[in-house]
Amino acid sequence: MKLKELIKDIKIIKANNGLTREISGIFYDSRKVIPESVFVAIKGNEADGHNYIQEAIEKGAKTIIFEKKGLVFPSGITQILVEDSRKVLGEISAVFYQNPSLKMKVFGVTGTKGKTTVTYILKKIFQQQGYKTGLIGTINYQIGERILPSTNTTPESVDIQSMLSEMLENNITHVIIEVSSHAIVQGRISGIHFDCGIFTNIASHEHLDYHKNFKNYLNTKIIFFSKYLKESKKEKKYAVINIDNRYGKIFIKNIYSSDIEILTYGINKKADVFPENIQYFINGIKFFLDGKPYSTPLIGEINLYNTLSAVSVAKKEGISGNKIKTALETLPVIPGRMEFIEQGQPFKVIIDFAHTHQALAEILKIILKFREKGRIILVFGCGGKRDKSKRPLMGKIAVKMADIAILTSDNPRDEDELEIIKDIKKGISFWYRKKYQVFIDRKQAIKQAINIAQKDDWVIIAGKGHETVQIIKNVYQPFNDKEIAIQAIKEKINGKNTNK
């Protein structure tokens, strides 16, 4: 493809010669640049691509798209100055890969909680219907049978377009994408034409280190619908909204001004899609919908909402109730989402991604509902370089709802782990001081929880879920809560002291 074709629709401040060049690829990471390619210099959270322009040129980039004025380039380099290089990255990536999203159905899921679970439920339903389905999300990127490790919940625009293009080549017709608030602000979903946007819920104290306040966070989520879904070139666009969430009506109000159909779901009968005769069990949920019985192995009210959002999409897509029913009954285990670990131990162990105070309260509420006897032993921490205001809130909830709370590290990044623990302890009242323990080393914390667990106890290991690394001093170290828990359980069953 010639450069002039690639950039014909973008807003350019200034460009020099060389627009007839043939382009071999588009890159934002200078380490991956190939000869005759375009390098787009974007400003990241921790690194600025403008600082790597020289490296990109040395590796063979012949065209540089940038937004900083006053830069000096070697001769023979095509220079394109733009206002927002990240936005341009999305626009030209869609053109380079020939707009694959226009040739398939694309579903975007956004919200504070439940995004991953909804994508897995929806993928299972589509597969049950016989659709070949792709998925881009927090746990991994699924391109047919090819599974790629996830680097971000929503990757950079050029990476998404590349994956969509590969999916199209593999005859995938339905794609589900988790849409994070960071991705919305940074334009990572530019150039994607969505058929449907799904809103799960929204809560405070999430990503406030990035968005600064809840209003900004809320508005960002709304923009997914009011801008990206609205600007999609798909003819029959629709939004699926959780009407029971207190902010659901705000989303609807901001969507009504566009040509987007709105479908609501909830537990109350004001919703377009609502269940009846709901029954919650320790091994799942049963409910009726349109007079037909459904069941799912997922547990708790939050997962009923997640299920309803996916079912709402399925019904809108014309999938039969029998197909939906079969899909829900045969859902696979969702890694790190209320995942039970069974190794023959006489107590329960659950791995969950809960890393906010609301999510922590939600899982503890579910366990309290079903616990007949035994203690709740909770292992948790708070991530470094993230919203500090939720740390004392998590501490307060932990000691009030669990019988024993074990405070530990959770991706401290370059923060001092002891300082993070101090922040958590600020929310723990004096009279709860005997209900918590501190093990900075997360492996030792998990082993301690397993060691002290007795018959009928519930061990909850929260915060990291599916993650396979821990970030300490900004170094990514292999770490998996599930593997550590399984090892500790086996050692306990064999009569070993797992903390030795």
Protein backbone atom coordinates (compact mmCIF):
# COMPACT_ATOMS: atom_id res chain seq x y z
CA MET A 1 0.00 0.00 0.00
CA LYS A 2 1.23 3.50 -0.84
CA LEU A 3 1.65 6.00 1.98
CA LYS A 4 -0.65 8.56 0.32
CA GLU A 5 -3.49 6.00 0.37
CA LEU A 6 -2.79 5.22 4.01
CA ILE A 7 -3.03 8.84 5.19
CA LYS A 8 -5.59 10.28 2.77
CA ASP A 9 -8.31 10.67 5.43
CA ILE A 10 -6.25 11.76 8.44
CA LYS A 11 -5.83 15.33 9.64
CA ILE A 12 -2.25 16.42 8.86
CA ILE A 13 -0.62 19.57 10.18
CA LYS A 14 2.46 19.29 8.00
CA ALA A 15 4.10 16.71 5.72
CA ASN A 16 7.17 16.68 3.47
CA ASN A 17 7.96 14.58 0.39
CA GLY A 18 7.84 10.82 -0.10
CA LEU A 19 4.10 10.22 0.04
CA THR A 20 4.27 7.75 -2.85
CA ARG A 21 6.33 5.28 -0.80
CA GLU A 22 5.21 1.67 -0.52
CA ILE A 23 4.53 0.81 3.13
CA SER A 24 5.59 -2.53 4.62
CA GLY A 25 3.95 -2.14 8.03
CA ILE A 26 2.94 0.15 10.89
CA PHE A 27 4.70 0.16 14.27
CA TYR A 28 4.63 2.11 17.54
CA ASP A 29 7.34 -0.03 19.20
CA SER A 30 10.76 0.87 17.76
CA ARG A 31 12.10 -2.59 18.63
CA LYS A 32 9.71 -4.23 16.14
CA VAL A 33 10.26 -1.87 13.20
CA ILE A 34 11.04 -3.42 9.80
CA PRO A 35 12.49 -1.75 6.67
CA GLU A 36 10.21 0.58 4.68
CA SER A 37 7.69 0.78 7.51
CA VAL A 38 5.85 3.62 9.26
CA PHE A 39 6.79 4.44 12.84
CA VAL A 40 4.12 6.27 14.84
CA ALA A 41 5.54 8.07 17.87
CA ILE A 42 2.95 7.99 20.65
CA LYS A 43 3.15 9.25 24.20
CA GLY A 44 2.65 6.36 26.61
CA ASN A 45 2.08 6.42 30.36
CA GLU A 46 5.72 5.63 31.10
CA ALA A 47 7.55 6.09 27.79
CA ASP A 48 7.38 8.61 24.94
CA GLY A 49 7.75 7.18 21.45
CA HIS A 50 9.31 10.44 20.26
CA ASN A 51 12.42 9.43 22.19
CA TYR A 52 12.78 6.31 20.03
CA ILE A 53 12.43 7.87 16.59
CA GLN A 54 16.16 7.58 15.90
CA GLU A 55 16.14 3.87 16.81
CA ALA A 56 13.15 3.33 14.49
CA ILE A 57 14.98 5.07 11.63
CA GLU A 58 18.10 2.97 12.23
CA LYS A 59 15.96 -0.16 11.95
CA GLY A 60 14.60 0.94 8.58
CA ALA A 61 11.53 3.10 9.16
CA LYS A 62 11.20 5.55 6.26
CA THR A 63 8.08 7.39 7.47
CA ILE A 64 7.63 8.96 10.90
CA ILE A 65 4.27 10.17 12.18
CA PHE A 66 4.67 12.39 15.23
CA GLU A 67 3.08 15.22 17.21
CA LYS A 68 6.03 17.05 18.78
CA LYS A 69 7.10 20.15 16.86
CA GLY A 70 10.72 21.17 16.30
CA LEU A 71 12.18 17.71 15.74
CA VAL A 72 15.11 17.31 13.33
CA PHE A 73 15.22 14.32 10.95
CA PRO A 74 17.85 12.83 8.62
CA SER A 75 17.39 13.36 4.90
CA GLY A 76 15.27 10.83 3.06
CA ILE A 77 12.76 10.43 5.90
CA THR A 78 9.10 11.28 5.27
CA GLN A 79 7.83 13.37 8.16
CA ILE A 80 4.14 13.71 9.00
CA LEU A 81 3.19 16.04 11.85
CA VAL A 82 -0.25 15.44 13.34
CA GLU A 83 -2.23 16.70 16.32
CA ASP A 84 -2.83 13.30 17.96
CA SER A 85 -0.53 10.51 16.81
CA ARG A 86 -2.30 7.85 18.87
CA LYS A 87 -5.62 8.61 17.21
CA VAL A 88 -3.92 8.55 13.83
CA LEU A 89 -2.39 5.15 14.67
CA GLY A 90 -5.88 3.70 14.94
CA GLU A 91 -7.12 5.36 11.77
CA ILE A 92 -4.24 4.29 9.53
CA SER A 93 -4.12 0.80 11.05
CA ALA A 94 -7.74 0.22 10.01
CA VAL A 95 -6.91 1.38 6.47
CA PHE A 96 -3.72 -0.72 6.27
CA TYR A 97 -5.61 -3.88 7.28
CA GLN A 98 -8.56 -2.94 5.01
CA ASN A 99 -11.12 -2.33 7.78
CA PRO A 100 -11.68 -5.94 8.89
CA SER A 101 -14.28 -4.90 11.49
CA LEU A 102 -16.66 -3.93 8.67
CA LYS A 103 -16.68 -7.55 7.50
CA MET A 104 -17.55 -9.22 10.81
CA LYS A 105 -19.78 -8.65 13.83
CA VAL A 106 -17.97 -6.87 16.65
CA PHE A 107 -19.22 -6.66 20.25
CA GLY A 108 -17.58 -4.36 22.81
CA VAL A 109 -17.99 -4.94 26.56
CA THR A 110 -17.21 -2.15 29.02
CA GLY A 111 -17.78 -1.59 32.73
CA THR A 112 -15.98 -1.77 36.08
CA LYS A 113 -16.70 -5.42 36.82
CA GLY A 114 -17.75 -8.41 34.78
CA LYS A 115 -16.19 -7.65 31.39
CA THR A 116 -14.15 -10.84 31.20
CA THR A 117 -16.99 -13.06 32.42
CA VAL A 118 -19.45 -11.56 29.94
CA THR A 119 -17.05 -12.13 27.03
CA TYR A 120 -16.61 -15.79 27.99
CA ILE A 121 -20.37 -16.35 28.32
CA LEU A 122 -21.08 -14.63 25.02
CA LYS A 123 -18.30 -16.57 23.27
CA LYS A 124 -19.77 -19.86 24.51
CA ILE A 125 -23.26 -18.89 23.28
CA PHE A 126 -21.97 -17.88 19.84
CA GLN A 127 -20.01 -21.11 19.56
CA GLN A 128 -23.09 -23.10 20.56
CA GLN A 129 -24.91 -21.39 17.69
CA GLY A 130 -22.13 -22.50 15.37
CA TYR A 131 -20.45 -19.13 14.88
CA LYS A 132 -16.67 -19.05 14.64
CA THR A 133 -15.73 -16.58 17.37
CA GLY A 134 -12.69 -14.51 18.36
CA LEU A 135 -12.00 -12.81 21.68
CA ILE A 136 -9.73 -9.97 22.80
CA GLY A 137 -9.57 -9.42 26.55
CA THR A 138 -7.85 -9.44 29.91
CA ILE A 139 -6.95 -13.13 30.12
CA ASN A 140 -5.80 -13.72 26.54
CA TYR A 141 -6.45 -13.05 22.86
CA GLN A 142 -8.21 -15.92 21.08
CA ILE A 143 -7.88 -16.08 17.30
CA GLY A 144 -9.67 -19.31 16.47
CA GLU A 145 -7.45 -22.06 17.89
CA ARG A 146 -4.50 -19.68 18.32
CA ILE A 147 -4.19 -18.27 21.85
CA LEU A 148 -1.96 -15.26 22.50
CA PRO A 149 -1.00 -13.94 25.96
CA SER A 150 -2.71 -10.70 26.89
CA THR A 151 -0.54 -7.62 27.41
CA ASN A 152 -3.43 -5.19 27.99
CA THR A 153 -7.15 -5.72 28.44
CA THR A 154 -7.53 -3.75 25.20
CA PRO A 155 -4.30 -3.72 23.16
CA GLU A 156 -3.06 -0.89 20.92
CA SER A 157 -5.14 -0.14 17.83
CA VAL A 158 -2.66 -1.53 15.31
CA ASP A 159 -2.46 -4.79 17.28
CA ILE A 160 -6.26 -5.05 17.37
CA GLN A 161 -6.54 -4.39 13.63
CA SER A 162 -3.86 -6.99 12.94
CA MET A 163 -5.73 -9.56 15.04
CA LEU A 164 -9.06 -8.70 13.42
CA SER A 165 -7.45 -9.15 10.02
CA GLU A 166 -6.09 -12.56 11.04
CA MET A 167 -9.50 -13.51 12.42
CA LEU A 168 -11.11 -12.60 9.12
CA GLU A 169 -8.60 -14.76 7.24
CA ASN A 170 -9.59 -17.62 9.57
CA ASN A 171 -13.29 -17.16 8.75
CA ILE A 172 -14.19 -15.82 12.18
CA THR A 173 -17.53 -14.02 11.97
CA HIS A 174 -18.11 -12.80 15.55
CA VAL A 175 -15.55 -10.96 17.69
CA ILE A 176 -15.91 -9.91 21.33
CA ILE A 177 -13.63 -7.20 22.73
CA GLU A 178 -13.18 -6.05 26.32
CA VAL A 179 -13.07 -2.25 26.18
CA SER A 180 -11.13 -0.65 29.03
CA SER A 181 -11.41 2.99 30.07
CA HIS A 182 -7.73 3.50 29.22
CA ALA A 183 -8.38 2.23 25.70
CA ILE A 184 -11.27 4.66 25.25
CA VAL A 185 -9.26 7.70 26.39
CA GLN A 186 -6.20 6.71 24.38
CA GLY A 187 -8.10 5.95 21.19
CA ARG A 188 -6.99 2.33 21.01
CA ILE A 189 -10.42 1.42 19.62
CA SER A 190 -10.25 4.03 16.84
CA GLY A 191 -11.08 2.48 13.49
CA ILE A 192 -13.19 -0.35 14.95
CA HIS A 193 -16.79 -0.47 13.73
CA PHE A 194 -18.83 -1.98 16.55
CA ASP A 195 -22.22 -3.65 16.08
CA CYS A 196 -23.00 -3.63 19.79
CA GLY A 197 -21.81 -2.02 23.01
CA ILE A 198 -22.48 -3.72 26.36
CA PHE A 199 -22.46 -1.87 29.70
CA THR A 200 -22.06 -4.10 32.76
CA ASN A 201 -21.82 -1.65 35.68
CA ILE A 202 -19.72 1.20 36.99
CA ALA A 203 -18.36 1.92 40.45
CA SER A 204 -16.12 4.45 42.16
CA HIS A 205 -12.46 4.04 43.17
CA GLU A 206 -11.45 2.36 39.92
CA HIS A 207 -8.49 3.70 37.91
CA LEU A 208 -8.67 7.04 39.70
CA ASP A 209 -4.87 7.14 39.55
CA TYR A 210 -5.37 7.63 35.81
CA HIS A 211 -8.75 9.38 35.49
CA LYS A 212 -8.24 11.57 38.60
CA ASN A 213 -11.91 11.53 39.64
CA PHE A 214 -15.06 9.45 39.19
CA LYS A 215 -16.73 11.97 36.89
CA ASN A 216 -13.92 11.61 34.36
CA TYR A 217 -14.10 7.82 34.65
CA LEU A 218 -17.87 7.82 34.11
CA ASN A 219 -17.66 10.16 31.14
CA THR A 220 -14.96 7.98 29.59
CA LYS A 221 -17.20 4.92 29.72
CA ILE A 222 -20.06 6.92 28.20
CA ILE A 223 -17.80 8.02 25.32
CA PHE A 224 -17.56 4.40 24.18
CA PHE A 225 -21.26 4.58 23.31
CA SER A 226 -21.72 8.27 22.44
CA LYS A 227 -18.65 8.41 20.18
CA TYR A 228 -17.23 5.07 19.11
CA LEU A 229 -20.49 3.11 18.83
CA LYS A 230 -22.25 6.14 17.35
CA GLU A 231 -19.54 6.66 14.71
CA SER A 232 -19.54 2.98 13.72
CA LYS A 233 -20.57 2.44 10.10
CA LYS A 234 -22.65 -0.59 10.99
CA GLU A 235 -26.31 -0.13 10.07
CA LYS A 236 -28.07 -1.89 12.95
CA LYS A 237 -26.13 -0.76 16.00
CA TYR A 238 -27.42 -1.35 19.50
CA ALA A 239 -26.45 -0.91 23.14
CA VAL A 240 -27.16 -3.38 25.94
CA ILE A 241 -27.43 -1.51 29.25
CA ASN A 242 -27.68 -2.65 32.87
CA ILE A 243 -30.68 -0.59 33.95
CA ASP A 244 -30.32 -1.65 37.60
CA ASN A 245 -26.96 0.08 37.94
CA ARG A 246 -27.51 3.55 39.37
CA TYR A 247 -25.72 5.12 36.41
CA GLY A 248 -27.51 3.09 33.75
CA LYS A 249 -29.98 5.89 33.04
CA ILE A 250 -27.12 8.33 32.43
CA PHE A 251 -25.75 6.01 29.77
CA ILE A 252 -29.18 5.73 28.17
CA LYS A 253 -29.64 9.52 28.22
CA ASN A 254 -26.34 10.00 26.39
CA ILE A 255 -27.13 7.31 23.83
CA TYR A 256 -30.66 8.47 22.96
CA SER A 257 -29.36 11.34 20.82
CA SER A 258 -27.86 8.87 18.32
CA ASP A 259 -29.19 6.21 15.98
CA ILE A 260 -28.44 3.40 18.43
CA GLU A 261 -31.15 1.02 19.56
CA ILE A 262 -31.18 0.42 23.32
CA LEU A 263 -31.88 -2.90 25.03
CA THR A 264 -31.95 -2.95 28.83
CA TYR A 265 -31.46 -5.82 31.25
CA GLY A 266 -31.78 -6.17 34.99
CA ILE A 267 -33.40 -8.10 37.81
CA ASN A 268 -36.35 -5.70 38.13
CA LYS A 269 -39.27 -5.95 35.71
CA LYS A 270 -38.65 -2.49 34.23
CA ALA A 271 -35.91 -3.98 32.06
CA ASP A 272 -36.45 -5.36 28.58
CA VAL A 273 -34.77 -8.61 29.67
CA PHE A 274 -35.37 -9.74 33.26
CA PRO A 275 -35.38 -13.11 35.09
CA GLU A 276 -38.01 -14.60 37.38
CA ASN A 277 -37.98 -17.25 40.11
CA ILE A 278 -34.27 -16.69 40.79
CA GLN A 279 -32.52 -19.28 42.95
CA TYR A 280 -28.90 -18.96 44.10
CA PHE A 281 -26.85 -22.02 45.01
CA ILE A 282 -23.23 -22.66 45.94
CA ASN A 283 -22.78 -24.42 42.59
CA GLY A 284 -24.76 -22.08 40.36
CA ILE A 285 -27.88 -20.06 39.62
CA LYS A 286 -31.32 -21.08 38.34
CA PHE A 287 -33.87 -18.69 36.88
CA PHE A 288 -36.70 -18.40 34.37
CA LEU A 289 -36.67 -16.14 31.33
CA ASP A 290 -39.75 -15.78 29.13
CA GLY A 291 -41.20 -18.79 30.94
CA LYS A 292 -38.20 -21.02 30.12
CA PRO A 293 -35.86 -22.43 32.82
CA TYR A 294 -32.15 -21.62 32.65
CA SER A 295 -29.19 -22.53 34.84
CA THR A 296 -25.50 -21.65 35.01
CA PRO A 297 -22.58 -22.91 37.15
CA LEU A 298 -21.58 -19.30 37.86
CA ILE A 299 -22.49 -18.13 41.36
CA GLY A 300 -23.75 -14.93 42.97
CA GLU A 301 -25.90 -11.99 41.94
CA ILE A 302 -23.05 -10.30 40.04
CA ASN A 303 -22.86 -13.34 37.78
CA LEU A 304 -26.59 -13.30 37.21
CA TYR A 305 -26.16 -9.79 35.82
CA ASN A 306 -23.21 -10.94 33.72
CA THR A 307 -25.32 -13.78 32.38
CA LEU A 308 -28.28 -11.51 31.61
CA SER A 309 -26.10 -9.12 29.61
CA ALA A 310 -24.83 -11.95 27.39
CA VAL A 311 -28.29 -13.47 27.06
CA SER A 312 -29.69 -10.07 26.04
CA VAL A 313 -27.18 -9.91 23.17
CA ALA A 314 -27.92 -13.50 22.17
CA LYS A 315 -31.66 -12.86 22.04
CA LYS A 316 -31.12 -9.70 20.00
CA GLU A 317 -28.96 -11.74 17.59
CA GLY A 318 -31.80 -14.21 17.13
CA ILE A 319 -30.19 -17.16 18.91
CA SER A 320 -32.76 -19.67 20.16
CA GLY A 321 -33.51 -20.22 23.81
CA ASN A 322 -32.42 -23.86 23.57
CA LYS A 323 -28.98 -22.86 22.23
CA ILE A 324 -28.61 -20.25 25.00
CA LYS A 325 -29.73 -22.74 27.64
CA THR A 326 -27.21 -25.39 26.53
CA ALA A 327 -24.39 -22.84 26.39
CA LEU A 328 -25.09 -21.55 29.91
CA GLU A 329 -25.24 -25.06 31.37
CA THR A 330 -21.89 -26.02 29.83
CA LEU A 331 -19.84 -22.90 30.51
CA PRO A 332 -16.12 -23.57 30.96
CA VAL A 333 -14.24 -22.45 34.07
CA ILE A 334 -13.28 -18.79 33.68
CA PRO A 335 -9.67 -18.51 34.91
CA GLY A 336 -9.34 -16.51 38.11
CA ARG A 337 -13.02 -15.62 38.35
CA MET A 338 -14.51 -17.32 41.41
CA GLU A 339 -12.40 -20.32 40.46
CA PHE A 340 -12.64 -23.21 42.93
CA ILE A 341 -9.47 -25.22 43.52
CA GLU A 342 -10.19 -28.87 44.28
CA GLN A 343 -7.35 -31.14 45.39
CA GLY A 344 -9.29 -33.32 47.82
CA GLN A 345 -8.84 -30.90 50.73
CA PRO A 346 -11.60 -30.70 53.43
CA PHE A 347 -11.96 -26.94 52.98
CA LYS A 348 -12.75 -24.68 50.03
CA VAL A 349 -10.18 -22.58 48.15
CA ILE A 350 -11.19 -19.90 45.68
CA ILE A 351 -9.03 -17.77 43.37
CA ASP A 352 -10.60 -14.47 42.31
CA PHE A 353 -9.49 -11.32 40.50
CA ALA A 354 -11.24 -9.02 43.03
CA HIS A 355 -8.90 -6.03 43.42
CA THR A 356 -11.26 -3.22 44.43
CA HIS A 357 -13.24 -2.77 47.62
CA GLN A 358 -16.54 -3.31 45.78
CA ALA A 359 -15.34 -6.55 44.19
CA LEU A 360 -13.92 -7.75 47.49
CA ALA A 361 -17.21 -7.04 49.26
CA GLU A 362 -19.11 -8.82 46.48
CA ILE A 363 -17.20 -12.09 46.75
CA LEU A 364 -17.26 -12.06 50.56
CA LYS A 365 -21.02 -11.41 50.48
CA ILE A 366 -21.49 -14.45 48.24
CA ILE A 367 -19.44 -16.67 50.56
CA LEU A 368 -21.27 -15.43 53.66
CA LYS A 369 -24.57 -16.31 51.98
CA PHE A 370 -23.60 -19.94 51.44
CA ARG A 371 -21.27 -20.64 54.34
CA GLU A 372 -22.96 -22.95 56.79
CA LYS A 373 -19.95 -23.35 59.07
CA GLY A 374 -16.24 -22.78 59.07
CA ARG A 375 -14.20 -19.56 58.85
CA ILE A 376 -13.46 -17.23 55.95
CA ILE A 377 -9.70 -16.75 55.50
CA LEU A 378 -8.93 -13.96 53.07
CA VAL A 379 -5.59 -13.30 51.35
CA PHE A 380 -5.35 -9.93 49.61
CA GLY A 381 -3.19 -6.91 48.87
CA CYS A 382 -3.30 -3.70 46.83
CA GLY A 383 -1.41 -2.90 43.67
CA GLY A 384 1.32 -0.28 43.64
CA LYS A 385 1.07 2.88 41.53
CA ARG A 386 -2.72 2.59 41.52
CA ASP A 387 -5.51 4.48 43.25
CA LYS A 388 -4.47 4.68 46.91
CA SER A 389 -7.89 5.72 48.19
CA LYS A 390 -9.26 2.17 47.90
CA ARG A 391 -6.53 0.68 50.13
CA PRO A 392 -8.06 1.54 53.53
CA LEU A 393 -11.51 0.67 52.17
CA MET A 394 -10.29 -2.81 51.28
CA GLY A 395 -8.73 -3.17 54.72
CA LYS A 396 -11.98 -2.17 56.41
CA ILE A 397 -14.08 -4.60 54.38
CA ALA A 398 -11.62 -7.45 54.81
CA VAL A 399 -11.59 -7.46 58.60
CA LYS A 400 -15.33 -6.84 58.93
CA MET A 401 -16.45 -9.58 56.55
CA ALA A 402 -13.70 -12.21 56.85
CA ASP A 403 -12.76 -14.09 60.00
CA ILE A 404 -9.04 -13.85 59.25
CA ALA A 405 -7.46 -11.41 56.81
CA ILE A 406 -3.92 -12.00 55.60
CA LEU A 407 -2.43 -8.79 54.17
CA THR A 408 0.20 -9.28 51.50
CA SER A 409 1.67 -7.82 48.32
CA ASP A 410 -0.12 -7.59 44.98
CA ASN A 411 1.96 -6.20 42.10
CA PRO A 412 3.65 -3.47 44.17
CA ARG A 413 5.48 -2.26 41.04
CA ASP A 414 8.05 0.28 42.27
CA GLU A 415 6.23 1.16 45.51
CA ASP A 416 7.46 0.03 48.93
CA GLU A 417 5.36 -3.00 49.92
CA LEU A 418 5.36 -2.00 53.59
CA GLU A 419 3.96 1.44 52.71
CA ILE A 420 1.12 -0.18 50.77
CA ILE A 421 0.35 -2.38 53.79
CA LYS A 422 0.34 0.73 56.00
CA ASP A 423 -2.26 2.32 53.72
CA ILE A 424 -4.45 -0.80 53.96
CA LYS A 425 -4.15 -0.83 57.77
CA LYS A 426 -5.45 2.75 57.94
CA GLY A 427 -8.91 1.36 57.33
CA ILE A 428 -8.68 -1.26 60.08
CA SER A 429 -10.09 -0.13 63.42
CA PHE A 430 -8.18 -0.85 66.62
CA TRP A 431 -10.67 -3.47 67.83
CA TYR A 432 -10.11 -5.53 64.65
CA ARG A 433 -6.33 -5.69 65.10
CA LYS A 434 -6.41 -9.38 66.08
CA LYS A 435 -8.29 -10.36 62.92
CA TYR A 436 -5.44 -9.78 60.50
CA GLN A 437 -1.92 -11.02 59.84
CA VAL A 438 0.78 -9.62 57.56
CA PHE A 439 2.94 -11.71 55.22
CA ILE A 440 4.65 -9.42 52.72
CA ASP A 441 5.76 -12.37 50.58
CA ARG A 442 2.61 -13.39 48.67
CA LYS A 443 3.69 -17.02 48.35
CA GLN A 444 4.10 -17.26 52.12
CA ALA A 445 0.75 -15.52 52.63
CA ILE A 446 -1.04 -18.10 50.48
CA LYS A 447 0.76 -20.96 52.22
CA GLN A 448 -0.15 -19.52 55.61
CA ALA A 449 -3.84 -19.39 54.65
CA ILE A 450 -3.75 -23.03 53.51
CA ASN A 451 -1.79 -24.08 56.62
CA ILE A 452 -4.28 -22.63 59.09
CA ALA A 453 -7.36 -23.73 57.15
CA GLN A 454 -9.47 -26.34 58.92
CA LYS A 455 -12.39 -28.52 57.85
CA ASP A 456 -15.24 -26.46 56.31
CA ASP A 457 -13.20 -23.24 56.15
CA TRP A 458 -13.21 -21.01 53.06
CA VAL A 459 -9.87 -19.69 51.78
CA ILE A 460 -10.24 -16.75 49.39
CA ILE A 461 -7.12 -15.66 47.47
CA ALA A 462 -8.04 -12.31 45.92
CA GLY A 463 -6.47 -9.73 43.66
CA LYS A 464 -4.51 -11.45 40.91
CA GLY A 465 -6.85 -14.10 39.57
CA HIS A 466 -5.53 -15.45 36.25
CA GLU A 467 -2.28 -13.46 36.30
CA THR A 468 0.95 -15.40 35.85
CA VAL A 469 3.43 -12.72 36.96
CA GLN A 470 4.01 -10.42 39.90
CA ILE A 471 5.51 -6.98 39.33
CA ILE A 472 8.06 -6.14 42.04
CA LYS A 473 10.47 -3.20 41.61
CA ASN A 474 9.03 -3.00 38.08
CA VAL A 475 10.44 -6.46 37.32
CA TYR A 476 7.99 -9.08 36.03
CA GLN A 477 8.50 -12.26 38.03
CA PRO A 478 6.69 -15.57 37.33
CA PHE A 479 3.88 -15.98 39.85
CA ASN A 480 0.54 -17.77 39.79
CA ASP A 481 -1.85 -17.82 42.76
CA LYS A 482 -3.48 -21.05 41.56
CA GLU A 483 -0.20 -22.94 41.24
CA ILE A 484 0.98 -21.79 44.67
CA ALA A 485 -2.35 -22.77 46.25
CA ILE A 486 -2.32 -26.23 44.65
CA GLN A 487 1.24 -26.83 45.81
CA ALA A 488 0.38 -25.72 49.36
CA ILE A 489 -2.72 -27.93 49.48
CA LYS A 490 -0.80 -31.00 48.31
CA GLU A 491 1.94 -30.40 50.86
CA LYS A 492 -0.63 -30.02 53.62
CA ILE A 493 -2.41 -33.21 52.62
CA ASN A 494 0.96 -34.99 52.67
CA GLY A 495 1.61 -33.71 56.17
CA LYS A 496 4.28 -31.13 55.36
CA ASN A 497 4.56 -27.66 56.86
CA THR A 498 4.18 -25.53 53.74
CA ASN A 499 5.78 -22.47 55.29
CA LYS A 500 9.14 -24.11 55.79
